[in-house]
PDB file of N, CA and C in Angstrom:
ATOM      1  N   MET A   1     -41.014 -40.279  -7.575  1.00  0.00           N
ATOM      2  CA  MET A   1     -39.713 -39.329  -7.051  1.00  0.00           C
ATOM      3  C   MET A   1     -39.175 -38.078  -7.174  1.00  0.00           C
ATOM      4  N   ALA A   2     -39.495 -36.927  -7.058  1.00  0.00           N
ATOM      5  CA  ALA A   2     -39.221 -35.979  -7.208  1.00  0.00           C
ATOM      6  C   ALA A   2     -37.584 -35.425  -7.997  1.00  0.00           C
ATOM      7  N   LYS A   3     -37.714 -35.251  -9.072  1.00  0.00           N
ATOM      8  CA  LYS A   3     -36.803 -35.275  -9.858  1.00  0.00           C
ATOM      9  C   LYS A   3     -36.191 -34.309  -9.578  1.00  0.00           C
ATOM     10  N   LEU A   4     -33.907 -34.136  -9.483  1.00  0.00           N
ATOM     11  CA  LEU A   4     -33.741 -33.407  -9.082  1.00  0.00           C
ATOM     12  C   LEU A   4     -33.192 -32.361 -10.104  1.00  0.00           C
ATOM     13  N   HIS A   5     -32.789 -31.221  -9.842  1.00  0.00           N
ATOM     14  CA  HIS A   5     -32.579 -30.116 -10.445  1.00  0.00           C
ATOM     15  C   HIS A   5     -30.799 -29.179 -10.269  1.00  0.00           C
ATOM     16  N   THR A   6     -30.282 -29.585 -11.584  1.00  0.00           N
ATOM     17  CA  THR A   6     -28.972 -29.285 -11.221  1.00  0.00           C
ATOM     18  C   THR A   6     -28.705 -28.529 -11.761  1.00  0.00           C
ATOM     19  N   SER A   7     -27.738 -27.258 -11.442  1.00  0.00           N
ATOM     20  CA  SER A   7     -26.978 -26.586 -11.496  1.00  0.00           C
ATOM     21  C   SER A   7     -26.007 -26.544 -11.660  1.00  0.00           C
ATOM     22  N   GLU A   8     -25.505 -25.213 -12.683  1.00  0.00           N
ATOM     23  CA  GLU A   8     -23.181 -25.642 -12.716  1.00  0.00           C
ATOM     24  C   GLU A   8     -23.388 -24.471 -12.979  1.00  0.00           C
ATOM     25  N   ILE A   9     -21.927 -23.910 -12.144  1.00  0.00           N
ATOM     26  CA  ILE A   9     -21.846 -22.269 -12.407  1.00  0.00           C
ATOM     27  C   ILE A   9     -20.250 -23.221 -13.026  1.00  0.00           C
ATOM     28  N   LYS A  10     -19.716 -22.116 -14.073  1.00  0.00           N
ATOM     29  CA  LYS A  10     -18.493 -22.435 -14.862  1.00  0.00           C
ATOM     30  C   LYS A  10     -17.158 -21.455 -14.593  1.00  0.00           C
ATOM     31  N   LEU A  11     -16.032 -21.459 -13.960  1.00  0.00           N
ATOM     32  CA  LEU A  11     -15.020 -19.949 -14.129  1.00  0.00           C
ATOM     33  C   LEU A  11     -14.458 -20.851 -15.857  1.00  0.00           C
ATOM     34  N   LYS A  12     -13.909 -19.655 -16.056  1.00  0.00           N
ATOM     35  CA  LYS A  12     -12.547 -20.243 -17.173  1.00  0.00           C
ATOM     36  C   LYS A  12     -11.290 -19.305 -16.399  1.00  0.00           C
ATOM     37  N   VAL A  13     -10.419 -19.335 -17.036  1.00  0.00           N
ATOM     38  CA  VAL A  13      -9.271 -19.107 -17.311  1.00  0.00           C
ATOM     39  C   VAL A  13      -8.564 -18.630 -18.394  1.00  0.00           C
ATOM     40  N   GLU A  14      -7.826 -17.377 -18.666  1.00  0.00           N
ATOM     41  CA  GLU A  14      -7.484 -17.553 -19.573  1.00  0.00           C
ATOM     42  C   GLU A  14      -5.850 -16.681 -19.313  1.00  0.00           C
ATOM     43  N   LEU A  15      -5.482 -17.657 -19.560  1.00  0.00           N
ATOM     44  CA  LEU A  15      -3.420 -17.341 -19.059  1.00  0.00           C
ATOM     45  C   LEU A  15      -2.483 -16.974 -20.299  1.00  0.00           C
ATOM     46  N   ASP A  16      -1.591 -16.169 -19.086  1.00  0.00           N
ATOM     47  CA  ASP A  16      -0.527 -15.876 -20.356  1.00  0.00           C
ATOM     48  C   ASP A  16       0.560 -17.087 -20.935  1.00  0.00           C
ATOM     49  N   GLU A  17       1.688 -16.850 -21.768  1.00  0.00           N
ATOM     50  CA  GLU A  17       2.686 -18.093 -21.758  1.00  0.00           C
ATOM     51  C   GLU A  17       3.625 -18.594 -20.284  1.00  0.00           C
ATOM     52  N   ASN A  18       3.769 -17.547 -19.262  1.00  0.00           N
ATOM     53  CA  ASN A  18       3.811 -17.824 -17.740  1.00  0.00           C
ATOM     54  C   ASN A  18       2.894 -18.223 -17.484  1.00  0.00           C
ATOM     55  N   ARG A  19       1.645 -18.500 -17.644  1.00  0.00           N
ATOM     56  CA  ARG A  19       0.541 -19.579 -17.039  1.00  0.00           C
ATOM     57  C   ARG A  19       0.351 -18.177 -15.993  1.00  0.00           C
ATOM     58  N   VAL A  20       0.160 -17.268 -15.558  1.00  0.00           N
ATOM     59  CA  VAL A  20      -0.232 -16.100 -15.059  1.00  0.00           C
ATOM     60  C   VAL A  20      -1.729 -16.333 -15.581  1.00  0.00           C
ATOM     61  N   PRO A  21      -2.539 -15.815 -15.124  1.00  0.00           N
ATOM     62  CA  PRO A  21      -4.514 -15.439 -15.858  1.00  0.00           C
ATOM     63  C   PRO A  21      -3.980 -13.926 -15.998  1.00  0.00           C
ATOM     64  N   GLU A  22      -4.487 -13.922 -17.401  1.00  0.00           N
ATOM     65  CA  GLU A  22      -5.028 -12.696 -17.770  1.00  0.00           C
ATOM     66  C   GLU A  22      -6.214 -11.999 -17.995  1.00  0.00           C
ATOM     67  N   LYS A  23      -7.092 -13.691 -18.181  1.00  0.00           N
ATOM     68  CA  LYS A  23      -8.800 -13.418 -18.243  1.00  0.00           C
ATOM     69  C   LYS A  23      -9.333 -13.614 -17.917  1.00  0.00           C
ATOM     70  N   LEU A  24     -10.142 -13.501 -16.457  1.00  0.00           N
ATOM     71  CA  LEU A  24     -11.021 -14.410 -15.458  1.00  0.00           C
ATOM     72  C   LEU A  24     -12.958 -14.004 -16.154  1.00  0.00           C
ATOM     73  N   THR A  25     -13.510 -15.229 -16.644  1.00  0.00           N
ATOM     74  CA  THR A  25     -14.821 -15.207 -16.879  1.00  0.00           C
ATOM     75  C   THR A  25     -15.714 -16.180 -16.533  1.00  0.00           C
ATOM     76  N   TRP A  26     -17.723 -15.761 -16.015  1.00  0.00           N
ATOM     77  CA  TRP A  26     -18.028 -16.845 -15.304  1.00  0.00           C
ATOM     78  C   TRP A  26     -19.036 -17.024 -15.890  1.00  0.00           C
ATOM     79  N   SER A  27     -20.250 -17.833 -15.405  1.00  0.00           N
ATOM     80  CA  SER A  27     -21.314 -18.257 -15.779  1.00  0.00           C
ATOM     81  C   SER A  27     -21.908 -18.292 -15.128  1.00  0.00           C
ATOM     82  N   ALA A  28     -23.358 -17.871 -14.239  1.00  0.00           N
ATOM     83  CA  ALA A  28     -23.782 -19.549 -13.744  1.00  0.00           C
ATOM     84  C   ALA A  28     -25.289 -19.101 -13.685  1.00  0.00           C
ATOM     85  N   GLU A  29     -26.214 -19.939 -14.942  1.00  0.00           N
ATOM     86  CA  GLU A  29     -26.519 -20.019 -16.107  1.00  0.00           C
ATOM     87  C   GLU A  29     -28.246 -20.210 -15.300  1.00  0.00           C
ATOM     88  N   ASP A  30     -28.489 -20.570 -13.882  1.00  0.00           N
ATOM     89  CA  ASP A  30     -29.582 -19.844 -13.083  1.00  0.00           C
ATOM     90  C   ASP A  30     -29.672 -18.924 -12.419  1.00  0.00           C
ATOM     91  N   GLY A  31     -28.546 -17.725 -12.299  1.00  0.00           N
ATOM     92  CA  GLY A  31     -28.475 -16.758 -12.028  1.00  0.00           C
ATOM     93  C   GLY A  31     -28.581 -15.691 -13.018  1.00  0.00           C
ATOM     94  N   GLY A  32     -28.315 -16.363 -13.940  1.00  0.00           N
ATOM     95  CA  GLY A  32     -28.821 -15.443 -15.522  1.00  0.00           C
ATOM     96  C   GLY A  32     -27.731 -14.419 -15.881  1.00  0.00           C
ATOM     97  N   ILE A  33     -26.524 -15.687 -15.837  1.00  0.00           N
ATOM     98  CA  ILE A  33     -25.703 -15.383 -15.803  1.00  0.00           C
ATOM     99  C   ILE A  33     -24.001 -15.900 -17.334  1.00  0.00           C
ATOM    100  N   ASN A  34     -23.919 -14.927 -17.827  1.00  0.00           N
ATOM    101  CA  ASN A  34     -22.853 -15.262 -18.976  1.00  0.00           C
ATOM    102  C   ASN A  34     -21.925 -14.745 -19.172  1.00  0.00           C
ATOM    103  N   ASN A  35     -20.403 -14.892 -18.948  1.00  0.00           N
ATOM    104  CA  ASN A  35     -19.389 -14.864 -19.883  1.00  0.00           C
ATOM    105  C   ASN A  35     -19.233 -13.459 -18.750  1.00  0.00           C
ATOM    106  N   GLU A  36     -19.455 -13.418 -17.736  1.00  0.00           N
ATOM    107  CA  GLU A  36     -19.324 -11.684 -16.913  1.00  0.00           C
ATOM    108  C   GLU A  36     -17.402 -11.952 -16.722  1.00  0.00           C
ATOM    109  N   ALA A  37     -16.924 -11.462 -16.453  1.00  0.00           N
ATOM    110  CA  ALA A  37     -15.855 -10.457 -17.115  1.00  0.00           C
ATOM    111  C   ALA A  37     -16.011  -9.949 -15.315  1.00  0.00           C
ATOM    112  N   ALA A  38     -14.283 -10.871 -14.487  1.00  0.00           N
ATOM    113  CA  ALA A  38     -13.668 -10.485 -13.553  1.00  0.00           C
ATOM    114  C   ALA A  38     -12.958 -10.196 -13.389  1.00  0.00           C
ATOM    115  N   LYS A  39     -12.069  -9.783 -12.364  1.00  0.00           N
ATOM    116  CA  LYS A  39     -10.378  -9.197 -12.360  1.00  0.00           C
ATOM    117  C   LYS A  39      -9.782 -10.688 -11.534  1.00  0.00           C
ATOM    118  N   ALA A  40     -11.197 -11.097  -9.999  1.00  0.00           N
ATOM    119  CA  ALA A  40      -9.815 -11.802  -9.009  1.00  0.00           C
ATOM    120  C   ALA A  40     -11.424 -12.843  -8.432  1.00  0.00           C
ATOM    121  N   MET A  41     -10.663 -13.742  -8.222  1.00  0.00           N
ATOM    122  CA  MET A  41     -12.092 -14.426  -7.342  1.00  0.00           C
ATOM    123  C   MET A  41     -10.910 -16.043  -6.794  1.00  0.00           C
ATOM    124  N   LEU A  42     -11.801 -15.532  -5.457  1.00  0.00           N
ATOM    125  CA  LEU A  42     -11.690 -17.008  -3.873  1.00  0.00           C
ATOM    126  C   LEU A  42     -12.834 -17.519  -4.185  1.00  0.00           C
ATOM    127  N   LEU A  43     -12.388 -18.788  -4.726  1.00  0.00           N
ATOM    128  CA  LEU A  43     -13.332 -20.309  -4.232  1.00  0.00           C
ATOM    129  C   LEU A  43     -12.585 -21.054  -3.176  1.00  0.00           C
ATOM    130  N   SER A  44     -13.596 -21.673  -1.999  1.00  0.00           N
ATOM    131  CA  SER A  44     -13.234 -22.535  -0.771  1.00  0.00           C
ATOM    132  C   SER A  44     -14.163 -23.885  -1.339  1.00  0.00           C
ATOM    133  N   VAL A  45     -14.147 -24.524  -1.276  1.00  0.00           N
ATOM    134  CA  VAL A  45     -14.456 -26.007  -1.070  1.00  0.00           C
ATOM    135  C   VAL A  45     -14.166 -26.787   0.687  1.00  0.00           C
ATOM    136  N   TRP A  46     -15.042 -27.320   1.164  1.00  0.00           N
ATOM    137  CA  TRP A  46     -14.624 -28.342   1.873  1.00  0.00           C
ATOM    138  C   TRP A  46     -13.963 -29.904   2.398  1.00  0.00           C
ATOM    139  N   ASP A  47     -12.975 -30.113   1.907  1.00  0.00           N
ATOM    140  CA  ASP A  47     -12.809 -31.480   2.146  1.00  0.00           C
ATOM    141  C   ASP A  47     -13.649 -32.444   3.111  1.00  0.00           C
ATOM    142  N   SER A  48     -14.753 -33.027   3.547  1.00  0.00           N
ATOM    143  CA  SER A  48     -14.826 -33.826   4.188  1.00  0.00           C
ATOM    144  C   SER A  48     -14.250 -34.491   4.776  1.00  0.00           C
ATOM    145  N   LYS A  49     -13.474 -35.252   3.760  1.00  0.00           N
ATOM    146  CA  LYS A  49     -13.000 -36.809   4.313  1.00  0.00           C
ATOM    147  C   LYS A  49     -11.496 -36.306   4.866  1.00  0.00           C
ATOM    148  N   ASN A  50     -10.858 -35.447   4.881  1.00  0.00           N
ATOM    149  CA  ASN A  50      -9.973 -35.263   5.330  1.00  0.00           C
ATOM    150  C   ASN A  50      -9.645 -34.159   6.200  1.00  0.00           C
ATOM    151  N   LYS A  51     -11.203 -33.179   6.371  1.00  0.00           N
ATOM    152  CA  LYS A  51     -11.672 -31.888   7.645  1.00  0.00           C
ATOM    153  C   LYS A  51     -10.313 -31.126   6.791  1.00  0.00           C
ATOM    154  N   GLU A  52     -10.168 -30.595   5.598  1.00  0.00           N
ATOM    155  CA  GLU A  52      -9.778 -29.422   5.753  1.00  0.00           C
ATOM    156  C   GLU A  52     -10.003 -28.756   4.142  1.00  0.00           C
ATOM    157  N   SER A  53      -9.917 -27.697   4.381  1.00  0.00           N
ATOM    158  CA  SER A  53     -10.318 -26.372   3.053  1.00  0.00           C
ATOM    159  C   SER A  53      -9.448 -26.616   2.202  1.00  0.00           C
ATOM    160  N   LEU A  54      -9.973 -26.117   0.901  1.00  0.00           N
ATOM    161  CA  LEU A  54      -8.985 -26.178  -0.273  1.00  0.00           C
ATOM    162  C   LEU A  54     -10.249 -25.506  -0.960  1.00  0.00           C
ATOM    163  N   LYS A  55      -8.163 -24.655  -1.925  1.00  0.00           N
ATOM    164  CA  LYS A  55      -8.661 -23.276  -1.937  1.00  0.00           C
ATOM    165  C   LYS A  55      -7.999 -23.187  -2.986  1.00  0.00           C
ATOM    166  N   ILE A  56      -8.742 -22.197  -4.360  1.00  0.00           N
ATOM    167  CA  ILE A  56      -7.951 -22.008  -5.485  1.00  0.00           C
ATOM    168  C   ILE A  56      -8.568 -20.343  -5.230  1.00  0.00           C
ATOM    169  N   ASP A  57      -7.646 -19.459  -5.403  1.00  0.00           N
ATOM    170  CA  ASP A  57      -7.148 -17.878  -5.104  1.00  0.00           C
ATOM    171  C   ASP A  57      -6.657 -17.404  -6.797  1.00  0.00           C
ATOM    172  N   LEU A  58      -7.393 -16.128  -7.575  1.00  0.00           N
ATOM    173  CA  LEU A  58      -6.769 -16.223  -8.682  1.00  0.00           C
ATOM    174  C   LEU A  58      -7.341 -14.647  -9.534  1.00  0.00           C
ATOM    175  N   TRP A  59      -5.681 -13.815  -9.806  1.00  0.00           N
ATOM    176  CA  TRP A  59      -5.912 -12.791  -9.923  1.00  0.00           C
ATOM    177  C   TRP A  59      -5.525 -12.664 -11.164  1.00  0.00           C
ATOM    178  N   THR A  60      -6.331 -11.728 -11.786  1.00  0.00           N
ATOM    179  CA  THR A  60      -5.638 -11.353 -13.384  1.00  0.00           C
ATOM    180  C   THR A  60      -4.589 -10.022 -12.893  1.00  0.00           C
ATOM    181  N   LYS A  61      -3.604  -9.900 -14.021  1.00  0.00           N
ATOM    182  CA  LYS A  61      -2.510  -9.817 -13.149  1.00  0.00           C
ATOM    183  C   LYS A  61      -2.712  -8.153 -13.576  1.00  0.00           C
ATOM    184  N   ASP A  62      -3.791  -7.738 -14.641  1.00  0.00           N
ATOM    185  CA  ASP A  62      -4.065  -6.216 -14.162  1.00  0.00           C
ATOM    186  C   ASP A  62      -4.520  -5.342 -12.984  1.00  0.00           C
ATOM    187  N   MET A  63      -5.029  -6.425 -12.238  1.00  0.00           N
ATOM    188  CA  MET A  63      -5.780  -6.202 -11.009  1.00  0.00           C
ATOM    189  C   MET A  63      -4.754  -5.613 -10.070  1.00  0.00           C
ATOM    190  N   PRO A  64      -5.274  -4.171 -10.148  1.00  0.00           N
ATOM    191  CA  PRO A  64      -5.440  -2.480  -9.144  1.00  0.00           C
ATOM    192  C   PRO A  64      -5.184  -2.700  -7.590  1.00  0.00           C
ATOM    193  N   VAL A  65      -4.081  -2.853  -6.546  1.00  0.00           N
ATOM    194  CA  VAL A  65      -4.473  -3.221  -5.552  1.00  0.00           C
ATOM    195  C   VAL A  65      -4.861  -2.699  -4.809  1.00  0.00           C
ATOM    196  N   ASP A  66      -5.114  -1.620  -4.793  1.00  0.00           N
ATOM    197  CA  ASP A  66      -7.090  -0.819  -3.787  1.00  0.00           C
ATOM    198  C   ASP A  66      -8.488  -1.245  -4.028  1.00  0.00           C
ATOM    199  N   GLU A  67      -8.060  -2.136  -5.463  1.00  0.00           N
ATOM    200  CA  GLU A  67      -9.122  -2.695  -6.187  1.00  0.00           C
ATOM    201  C   GLU A  67      -9.258  -3.989  -4.965  1.00  0.00           C
ATOM    202  N   MET A  68      -8.377  -4.333  -5.690  1.00  0.00           N
ATOM    203  CA  MET A  68      -7.897  -6.029  -4.484  1.00  0.00           C
ATOM    204  C   MET A  68      -7.978  -5.226  -2.788  1.00  0.00           C
ATOM    205  N   LYS A  69      -7.514  -4.614  -2.001  1.00  0.00           N
ATOM    206  CA  LYS A  69      -7.642  -4.449  -1.067  1.00  0.00           C
ATOM    207  C   LYS A  69      -9.100  -3.727  -0.815  1.00  0.00           C
ATOM    208  N   ILE A  70     -10.372  -3.509  -1.693  1.00  0.00           N
ATOM    209  CA  ILE A  70     -11.869  -3.534  -1.026  1.00  0.00           C
ATOM    210  C   ILE A  70     -12.223  -4.424  -1.682  1.00  0.00           C
ATOM    211  N   PHE A  71     -11.508  -5.611  -2.197  1.00  0.00           N
ATOM    212  CA  PHE A  71     -12.670  -6.927  -2.776  1.00  0.00           C
ATOM    213  C   PHE A  71     -11.809  -8.010  -1.400  1.00  0.00           C
ATOM    214  N   PHE A  72     -10.964  -7.613  -0.565  1.00  0.00           N
ATOM    215  CA  PHE A  72     -10.598  -8.485   0.588  1.00  0.00           C
ATOM    216  C   PHE A  72     -11.502  -7.445   1.520  1.00  0.00           C
ATOM    217  N   HIS A  73     -11.724  -6.408   1.796  1.00  0.00           N
ATOM    218  CA  HIS A  73     -12.378  -6.507   2.552  1.00  0.00           C
ATOM    219  C   HIS A  73     -14.145  -6.434   2.771  1.00  0.00           C
ATOM    220  N   GLN A  74     -14.823  -6.219   1.329  1.00  0.00           N
ATOM    221  CA  GLN A  74     -15.798  -7.422   1.162  1.00  0.00           C
ATOM    222  C   GLN A  74     -15.617  -8.668   1.444  1.00  0.00           C
ATOM    223  N   THR A  75     -14.900  -9.248   0.974  1.00  0.00           N
ATOM    224  CA  THR A  75     -15.532 -10.927   1.315  1.00  0.00           C
ATOM    225  C   THR A  75     -14.951 -11.059   2.601  1.00  0.00           C
ATOM    226  N   LEU A  76     -13.772 -10.035   3.091  1.00  0.00           N
ATOM    227  CA  LEU A  76     -14.438 -10.187   4.566  1.00  0.00           C
ATOM    228  C   LEU A  76     -15.712 -10.405   5.734  1.00  0.00           C
ATOM    229  N   MET A  77     -15.886  -9.414   4.937  1.00  0.00           N
ATOM    230  CA  MET A  77     -17.482  -8.827   5.691  1.00  0.00           C
ATOM    231  C   MET A  77     -18.565  -9.844   5.268  1.00  0.00           C
ATOM    232  N   SER A  78     -18.967 -10.134   4.256  1.00  0.00           N
ATOM    233  CA  SER A  78     -19.510 -11.231   3.698  1.00  0.00           C
ATOM    234  C   SER A  78     -19.670 -12.784   4.686  1.00  0.00           C
ATOM    235  N   LEU A  79     -18.317 -13.338   4.643  1.00  0.00           N
ATOM    236  CA  LEU A  79     -17.879 -14.158   5.406  1.00  0.00           C
ATOM    237  C   LEU A  79     -18.446 -14.129   6.550  1.00  0.00           C
ATOM    238  N   SER A  80     -18.456 -13.198   7.423  1.00  0.00           N
ATOM    239  CA  SER A  80     -18.237 -12.910   9.160  1.00  0.00           C
ATOM    240  C   SER A  80     -19.495 -12.445   8.686  1.00  0.00           C
ATOM    241  N   ASP A  81     -20.784 -12.528   7.446  1.00  0.00           N
ATOM    242  CA  ASP A  81     -22.667 -12.339   7.567  1.00  0.00           C
ATOM    243  C   ASP A  81     -22.575 -14.778   7.337  1.00  0.00           C
ATOM    244  N   THR A  82     -22.130 -14.623   6.753  1.00  0.00           N
ATOM    245  CA  THR A  82     -22.142 -16.379   6.576  1.00  0.00           C
ATOM    246  C   THR A  82     -21.516 -16.859   7.213  1.00  0.00           C
ATOM    247  N   PHE A  83     -20.597 -17.232   8.120  1.00  0.00           N
ATOM    248  CA  PHE A  83     -20.126 -17.275   9.426  1.00  0.00           C
ATOM    249  C   PHE A  83     -21.848 -17.227  10.600  1.00  0.00           C
ATOM    250  N   MET A  84     -22.639 -16.307  11.245  1.00  0.00           N
ATOM    251  CA  MET A  84     -23.759 -15.709  11.100  1.00  0.00           C
ATOM    252  C   MET A  84     -24.946 -16.807  10.522  1.00  0.00           C
ATOM    253  N   LYS A  85     -24.514 -16.991   9.422  1.00  0.00           N
ATOM    254  CA  LYS A  85     -26.074 -17.477   9.187  1.00  0.00           C
ATOM    255  C   LYS A  85     -25.971 -18.626   9.394  1.00  0.00           C
ATOM    256  N   ALA A  86     -24.098 -19.735   9.336  1.00  0.00           N
ATOM    257  CA  ALA A  86     -24.179 -20.861   9.090  1.00  0.00           C
ATOM    258  C   ALA A  86     -23.459 -21.424  10.918  1.00  0.00           C
ATOM    259  N   THR A  87     -23.321 -20.519  11.804  1.00  0.00           N
ATOM    260  CA  THR A  87     -23.368 -21.434  12.682  1.00  0.00           C
ATOM    261  C   THR A  87     -23.942 -20.048  13.853  1.00  0.00           C
ATOM    262  N   GLN A  88     -25.195 -19.613  13.871  1.00  0.00           N
ATOM    263  CA  GLN A  88     -26.117 -18.141  14.856  1.00  0.00           C
ATOM    264  C   GLN A  88     -25.563 -18.131  16.003  1.00  0.00           C
ATOM    265  N   ASP A  89     -23.601 -17.558  15.838  1.00  0.00           N
ATOM    266  CA  ASP A  89     -22.878 -16.989  16.815  1.00  0.00           C
ATOM    267  C   ASP A  89     -22.797 -15.947  16.405  1.00  0.00           C
ATOM    268  N   GLU A  90     -23.007 -14.762  17.178  1.00  0.00           N
ATOM    269  CA  GLU A  90     -23.669 -13.603  17.415  1.00  0.00           C
ATOM    270  C   GLU A  90     -22.011 -12.658  18.083  1.00  0.00           C
ATOM    271  N   LYS A  91     -21.866 -13.685  18.625  1.00  0.00           N
ATOM    272  CA  LYS A  91     -20.234 -13.107  19.620  1.00  0.00           C
ATOM    273  C   LYS A  91     -19.057 -13.184  18.539  1.00  0.00           C
ATOM    274  N   MET A  92     -18.682 -14.119  18.156  1.00  0.00           N
ATOM    275  CA  MET A  92     -17.828 -14.403  17.201  1.00  0.00           C
ATOM    276  C   MET A  92     -18.572 -13.643  16.238  1.00  0.00           C
ATOM    277  N   THR A  93     -19.745 -13.396  15.651  1.00  0.00           N
ATOM    278  CA  THR A  93     -19.457 -12.341  14.482  1.00  0.00           C
ATOM    279  C   THR A  93     -19.359 -11.126  14.822  1.00  0.00           C
ATOM    280  N   ALA A  94     -19.420 -11.445  15.746  1.00  0.00           N
ATOM    281  CA  ALA A  94     -19.440  -9.393  16.225  1.00  0.00           C
ATOM    282  C   ALA A  94     -18.170  -9.088  16.687  1.00  0.00           C
ATOM    283  N   THR A  95     -17.236  -9.729  16.972  1.00  0.00           N
ATOM    284  CA  THR A  95     -16.040 -10.308  16.703  1.00  0.00           C
ATOM    285  C   THR A  95     -14.746 -10.020  15.568  1.00  0.00           C
ATOM    286  N   MET A  96     -15.091 -10.834  14.394  1.00  0.00           N
ATOM    287  CA  MET A  96     -15.282 -10.943  13.038  1.00  0.00           C
ATOM    288  C   MET A  96     -15.781  -9.563  12.122  1.00  0.00           C
ATOM    289  N   LYS A  97     -16.185  -9.051  12.334  1.00  0.00           N
ATOM    290  CA  LYS A  97     -16.985  -7.737  12.312  1.00  0.00           C
ATOM    291  C   LYS A  97     -16.306  -6.121  12.265  1.00  0.00           C
ATOM    292  N   ASP A  98     -15.746  -7.144  13.964  1.00  0.00           N
ATOM    293  CA  ASP A  98     -14.589  -5.404  14.379  1.00  0.00           C
ATOM    294  C   ASP A  98     -13.467  -5.392  14.370  1.00  0.00           C
ATOM    295  N   PHE A  99     -12.464  -6.709  13.962  1.00  0.00           N
ATOM    296  CA  PHE A  99     -11.356  -7.103  12.683  1.00  0.00           C
ATOM    297  C   PHE A  99     -11.811  -6.819  11.241  1.00  0.00           C
ATOM    298  N   CYS A 100     -13.170  -6.536  10.509  1.00  0.00           N
ATOM    299  CA  CYS A 100     -13.259  -6.177   9.194  1.00  0.00           C
ATOM    300  C   CYS A 100     -13.693  -4.104   9.211  1.00  0.00           C
ATOM    301  N   ASP A 101     -13.749  -4.175  10.671  1.00  0.00           N
ATOM    302  CA  ASP A 101     -13.727  -2.718  10.585  1.00  0.00           C
ATOM    303  C   ASP A 101     -11.871  -1.761  10.490  1.00  0.00           C
ATOM    304  N   TYR A 102     -11.204  -2.757  11.868  1.00  0.00           N
ATOM    305  CA  TYR A 102     -10.240  -2.370  12.070  1.00  0.00           C
ATOM    306  C   TYR A 102      -9.108  -2.663  10.716  1.00  0.00           C
ATOM    307  N   PHE A 103      -9.233  -3.988   9.628  1.00  0.00           N
ATOM    308  CA  PHE A 103      -8.589  -4.201   8.297  1.00  0.00           C
ATOM    309  C   PHE A 103      -8.901  -2.564   7.462  1.00  0.00           C
ATOM    310  N   ALA A 104     -10.501  -2.149   7.578  1.00  0.00           N
ATOM    311  CA  ALA A 104     -10.378  -1.127   6.881  1.00  0.00           C
ATOM    312  C   ALA A 104      -9.969   0.158   7.262  1.00  0.00           C
ATOM    313  N   GLU A 105     -10.197   0.424   8.440  1.00  0.00           N
ATOM    314  CA  GLU A 105      -8.905   1.404   9.340  1.00  0.00           C
ATOM    315  C   GLU A 105      -8.469   1.501   8.729  1.00  0.00           C
ATOM    316  N   LYS A 106      -7.305   0.320   9.018  1.00  0.00           N
ATOM    317  CA  LYS A 106      -5.759   0.313   8.637  1.00  0.00           C
ATOM    318  C   LYS A 106      -5.115   0.054   7.368  1.00  0.00           C
ATOM    319  N   LEU A 107      -6.255   0.022   6.003  1.00  0.00           N
ATOM    320  CA  LEU A 107      -5.583   0.804   4.490  1.00  0.00           C
ATOM    321  C   LEU A 107      -6.796   1.228   4.180  1.00  0.00           C
ATOM    322  N   ASP A 108      -7.467   2.040   4.930  1.00  0.00           N
ATOM    323  CA  ASP A 108      -7.457   3.811   4.704  1.00  0.00           C
ATOM    324  C   ASP A 108      -9.043   3.217   3.800  1.00  0.00           C
ATOM    325  N   LEU A 109      -9.868   2.237   3.506  1.00  0.00           N
ATOM    326  CA  LEU A 109     -10.996   1.921   3.057  1.00  0.00           C
ATOM    327  C   LEU A 109     -11.980   2.713   3.181  1.00  0.00           C
ATOM    328  N   LYS A 110     -12.599   2.981   4.179  1.00  0.00           N
ATOM    329  CA  LYS A 110     -13.485   4.298   4.465  1.00  0.00           C
ATOM    330  C   LYS A 110     -13.249   4.935   4.711  1.00  0.00           C
ATOM    331  N   ASN A 111     -14.804   6.253   3.636  1.00  0.00           N
ATOM    332  CA  ASN A 111     -14.956   6.977   2.996  1.00  0.00           C
ATOM    333  C   ASN A 111     -15.136   8.001   4.710  1.00  0.00           C
TER     334      ASN A 111
END
């Protein structure tokens, strides 16, 4: 029997005295990433037993609002792509992408 490979992703959150994130770093050795800085992160996991999504949403107190808007837009676009890969539902993916375009337009993110 072949030996299984284990891969680990590490997140480090430095908090201020009020437990507000000041610094976020992450590492993924298999991806060649070691203690890379980040200003925000969104992590979702699926709890199959309870049929619910569990999540951690963090951003540093110095994350600019204009960058947060871009981060959300790119995340929504990425989720649309992931939804397509997971379901092959072209019609709903197109609807999601339409919403992403609307989102970007309303936030004036289109160049």
